[in-house]
Amino acid sequence: MPVTLNGQTYCQTAEACARAAISKNTFLRWVRQGTFPDVRYRDRKGWRLFSSDDVERLRARVQEVRETQQS
């Protein structure tokens, strides 16, 4: 469910991971390991909010990992 904050639309973790074609568990592991930086905003429940830029960075990281694995 999209959330609007300061005129920008954000999505939650499940939607961002689906857009980036990665599992939520993999994303959370990457954050814990420091492989991917955590997002800047959270909602009042503490859930992560991803901007379109965050989703694009995640997609790029997924692509980078997949290319490395194929080499």
N, C-alpha and C. Protein backbone atom coordinates (compact mmCIF):
# COMPACT_ATOMS: atom_id res chain seq x y z
N MET A 1 0.84 -1.18 0.00
CA MET A 1 0.00 0.00 0.00
C MET A 1 0.89 1.25 0.00
N PRO A 2 0.82 2.05 -1.03
CA PRO A 2 1.66 3.25 -1.12
C PRO A 2 1.34 4.26 -0.02
N VAL A 3 2.37 4.96 0.43
CA VAL A 3 2.25 5.98 1.46
C VAL A 3 2.82 7.27 0.88
N THR A 4 2.14 8.39 1.09
CA THR A 4 2.63 9.67 0.60
C THR A 4 3.16 10.48 1.78
N LEU A 5 4.39 10.95 1.64
CA LEU A 5 5.07 11.72 2.68
C LEU A 5 5.76 12.90 2.01
N ASN A 6 5.45 14.10 2.43
CA ASN A 6 6.06 15.31 1.85
C ASN A 6 5.94 15.34 0.33
N GLY A 7 4.82 14.88 -0.19
CA GLY A 7 4.58 14.92 -1.63
C GLY A 7 5.22 13.81 -2.42
N GLN A 8 5.94 12.90 -1.77
CA GLN A 8 6.57 11.78 -2.47
C GLN A 8 5.91 10.49 -2.04
N THR A 9 5.76 9.56 -2.99
CA THR A 9 5.13 8.29 -2.71
C THR A 9 6.18 7.24 -2.35
N TYR A 10 5.88 6.49 -1.31
CA TYR A 10 6.76 5.43 -0.82
C TYR A 10 6.01 4.11 -0.79
N CYS A 11 6.74 3.02 -0.91
CA CYS A 11 6.13 1.70 -0.77
C CYS A 11 6.82 0.96 0.37
N GLN A 12 6.17 -0.10 0.84
CA GLN A 12 6.72 -0.87 1.94
C GLN A 12 7.65 -1.97 1.42
N THR A 13 8.27 -2.67 2.33
CA THR A 13 9.31 -3.65 2.00
C THR A 13 8.85 -4.71 1.01
N ALA A 14 7.69 -5.31 1.24
CA ALA A 14 7.23 -6.40 0.36
C ALA A 14 7.08 -5.92 -1.08
N GLU A 15 6.49 -4.74 -1.26
CA GLU A 15 6.30 -4.21 -2.61
C GLU A 15 7.64 -3.84 -3.25
N ALA A 16 8.52 -3.23 -2.50
CA ALA A 16 9.84 -2.86 -3.03
C ALA A 16 10.62 -4.10 -3.46
N CYS A 17 10.56 -5.13 -2.64
CA CYS A 17 11.27 -6.37 -2.97
C CYS A 17 10.66 -7.04 -4.19
N ALA A 18 9.35 -7.00 -4.31
CA ALA A 18 8.69 -7.58 -5.49
C ALA A 18 9.12 -6.82 -6.74
N ARG A 19 9.18 -5.50 -6.66
CA ARG A 19 9.60 -4.70 -7.82
C ARG A 19 11.05 -4.98 -8.21
N ALA A 20 11.87 -5.30 -7.22
CA ALA A 20 13.29 -5.56 -7.48
C ALA A 20 13.56 -7.04 -7.75
N ALA A 21 12.53 -7.86 -7.66
CA ALA A 21 12.65 -9.32 -7.90
C ALA A 21 13.63 -9.97 -6.92
N ILE A 22 13.42 -9.69 -5.66
CA ILE A 22 14.26 -10.25 -4.59
C ILE A 22 13.34 -10.63 -3.44
N SER A 23 13.72 -11.62 -2.67
CA SER A 23 12.88 -11.99 -1.53
C SER A 23 13.11 -10.99 -0.39
N LYS A 24 12.07 -10.85 0.41
CA LYS A 24 12.16 -9.96 1.56
C LYS A 24 13.26 -10.43 2.52
N ASN A 25 13.37 -11.74 2.69
CA ASN A 25 14.40 -12.29 3.59
C ASN A 25 15.80 -11.95 3.11
N THR A 26 16.02 -12.02 1.80
CA THR A 26 17.34 -11.67 1.26
C THR A 26 17.64 -10.20 1.51
N PHE A 27 16.65 -9.34 1.26
CA PHE A 27 16.85 -7.91 1.51
C PHE A 27 17.21 -7.66 2.97
N LEU A 28 16.45 -8.24 3.88
CA LEU A 28 16.70 -8.03 5.31
C LEU A 28 18.08 -8.56 5.72
N ARG A 29 18.50 -9.67 5.12
CA ARG A 29 19.84 -10.20 5.39
C ARG A 29 20.90 -9.22 4.90
N TRP A 30 20.70 -8.66 3.71
CA TRP A 30 21.66 -7.69 3.17
C TRP A 30 21.79 -6.48 4.09
N VAL A 31 20.67 -6.01 4.63
CA VAL A 31 20.71 -4.86 5.54
C VAL A 31 21.48 -5.24 6.81
N ARG A 32 21.19 -6.40 7.38
CA ARG A 32 21.89 -6.85 8.60
C ARG A 32 23.39 -6.99 8.36
N GLN A 33 23.76 -7.50 7.19
CA GLN A 33 25.17 -7.72 6.87
C GLN A 33 25.88 -6.46 6.39
N GLY A 34 25.13 -5.40 6.13
CA GLY A 34 25.72 -4.17 5.64
C GLY A 34 25.97 -4.18 4.14
N THR A 35 25.43 -5.18 3.44
CA THR A 35 25.59 -5.29 1.99
C THR A 35 24.77 -4.22 1.27
N PHE A 36 23.64 -3.84 1.87
CA PHE A 36 22.77 -2.82 1.29
C PHE A 36 22.36 -1.87 2.42
N PRO A 37 22.47 -0.56 2.21
CA PRO A 37 22.12 0.38 3.28
C PRO A 37 20.62 0.38 3.55
N ASP A 38 20.26 0.54 4.80
CA ASP A 38 18.85 0.60 5.16
C ASP A 38 18.23 1.88 4.60
N VAL A 39 16.93 1.86 4.43
CA VAL A 39 16.23 3.03 3.89
C VAL A 39 16.14 4.12 4.95
N ARG A 40 15.86 5.31 4.51
CA ARG A 40 15.88 6.48 5.38
C ARG A 40 14.62 6.62 6.23
N TYR A 41 13.46 6.30 5.65
CA TYR A 41 12.20 6.56 6.34
C TYR A 41 11.51 5.28 6.80
N ARG A 42 10.76 5.43 7.89
CA ARG A 42 9.90 4.36 8.40
C ARG A 42 8.56 4.98 8.77
N ASP A 43 7.52 4.15 8.73
CA ASP A 43 6.21 4.66 9.13
C ASP A 43 6.09 4.61 10.65
N ARG A 44 4.94 4.98 11.17
CA ARG A 44 4.78 5.06 12.62
C ARG A 44 4.86 3.70 13.31
N LYS A 45 4.69 2.62 12.54
CA LYS A 45 4.82 1.27 13.09
C LYS A 45 6.27 0.78 13.01
N GLY A 46 7.13 1.57 12.39
CA GLY A 46 8.54 1.19 12.25
C GLY A 46 8.84 0.43 10.98
N TRP A 47 7.86 0.31 10.09
CA TRP A 47 8.07 -0.41 8.83
C TRP A 47 8.82 0.48 7.85
N ARG A 48 9.70 -0.12 7.08
CA ARG A 48 10.50 0.62 6.11
C ARG A 48 9.63 1.20 4.99
N LEU A 49 10.00 2.41 4.56
CA LEU A 49 9.34 3.06 3.43
C LEU A 49 10.38 3.33 2.36
N PHE A 50 10.14 2.82 1.16
CA PHE A 50 11.08 2.92 0.05
C PHE A 50 10.61 3.97 -0.95
N SER A 51 11.48 4.92 -1.26
CA SER A 51 11.21 5.87 -2.33
C SER A 51 11.49 5.16 -3.66
N SER A 52 11.12 5.79 -4.75
CA SER A 52 11.42 5.19 -6.06
C SER A 52 12.93 5.08 -6.26
N ASP A 53 13.69 6.03 -5.71
CA ASP A 53 15.16 5.95 -5.79
C ASP A 53 15.70 4.75 -5.01
N ASP A 54 15.10 4.49 -3.85
CA ASP A 54 15.51 3.33 -3.05
C ASP A 54 15.27 2.03 -3.83
N VAL A 55 14.11 1.95 -4.48
CA VAL A 55 13.78 0.75 -5.25
C VAL A 55 14.76 0.59 -6.41
N GLU A 56 15.10 1.67 -7.07
CA GLU A 56 16.05 1.60 -8.18
C GLU A 56 17.44 1.17 -7.70
N ARG A 57 17.87 1.67 -6.54
CA ARG A 57 19.16 1.24 -5.98
C ARG A 57 19.13 -0.25 -5.66
N LEU A 58 18.00 -0.71 -5.13
CA LEU A 58 17.86 -2.13 -4.81
C LEU A 58 17.89 -2.97 -6.08
N ARG A 59 17.18 -2.53 -7.12
CA ARG A 59 17.20 -3.25 -8.40
C ARG A 59 18.61 -3.34 -8.96
N ALA A 60 19.33 -2.23 -8.88
CA ALA A 60 20.71 -2.20 -9.39
C ALA A 60 21.59 -3.17 -8.61
N ARG A 61 21.41 -3.23 -7.31
CA ARG A 61 22.21 -4.15 -6.48
C ARG A 61 21.88 -5.59 -6.81
N VAL A 62 20.59 -5.90 -7.01
CA VAL A 62 20.18 -7.25 -7.38
C VAL A 62 20.81 -7.63 -8.71
N GLN A 63 20.77 -6.73 -9.68
CA GLN A 63 21.36 -6.98 -10.99
C GLN A 63 22.86 -7.22 -10.88
N GLU A 64 23.52 -6.42 -10.06
CA GLU A 64 24.97 -6.56 -9.85
C GLU A 64 25.30 -7.94 -9.27
N VAL A 65 24.53 -8.38 -8.30
CA VAL A 65 24.76 -9.69 -7.67
C VAL A 65 24.52 -10.80 -8.68
N ARG A 66 23.46 -10.69 -9.46
CA ARG A 66 23.16 -11.73 -10.45
C ARG A 66 24.24 -11.82 -11.52
N GLU A 67 24.75 -10.68 -11.95
CA GLU A 67 25.82 -10.68 -12.95
C GLU A 67 27.09 -11.30 -12.38
N THR A 68 27.38 -11.03 -11.13
CA THR A 68 28.55 -11.60 -10.47
C THR A 68 28.41 -13.11 -10.35
N GLN A 69 27.22 -13.59 -10.04
CA GLN A 69 26.99 -15.03 -9.90
C GLN A 69 27.09 -15.76 -11.23
N GLN A 70 26.76 -15.08 -12.32
CA GLN A 70 26.81 -15.70 -13.64
C GLN A 70 28.22 -15.77 -14.20
N SER A 71 29.11 -14.97 -13.67
CA SER A 71 30.50 -14.93 -14.17
C SER A 71 31.31 -16.10 -13.69
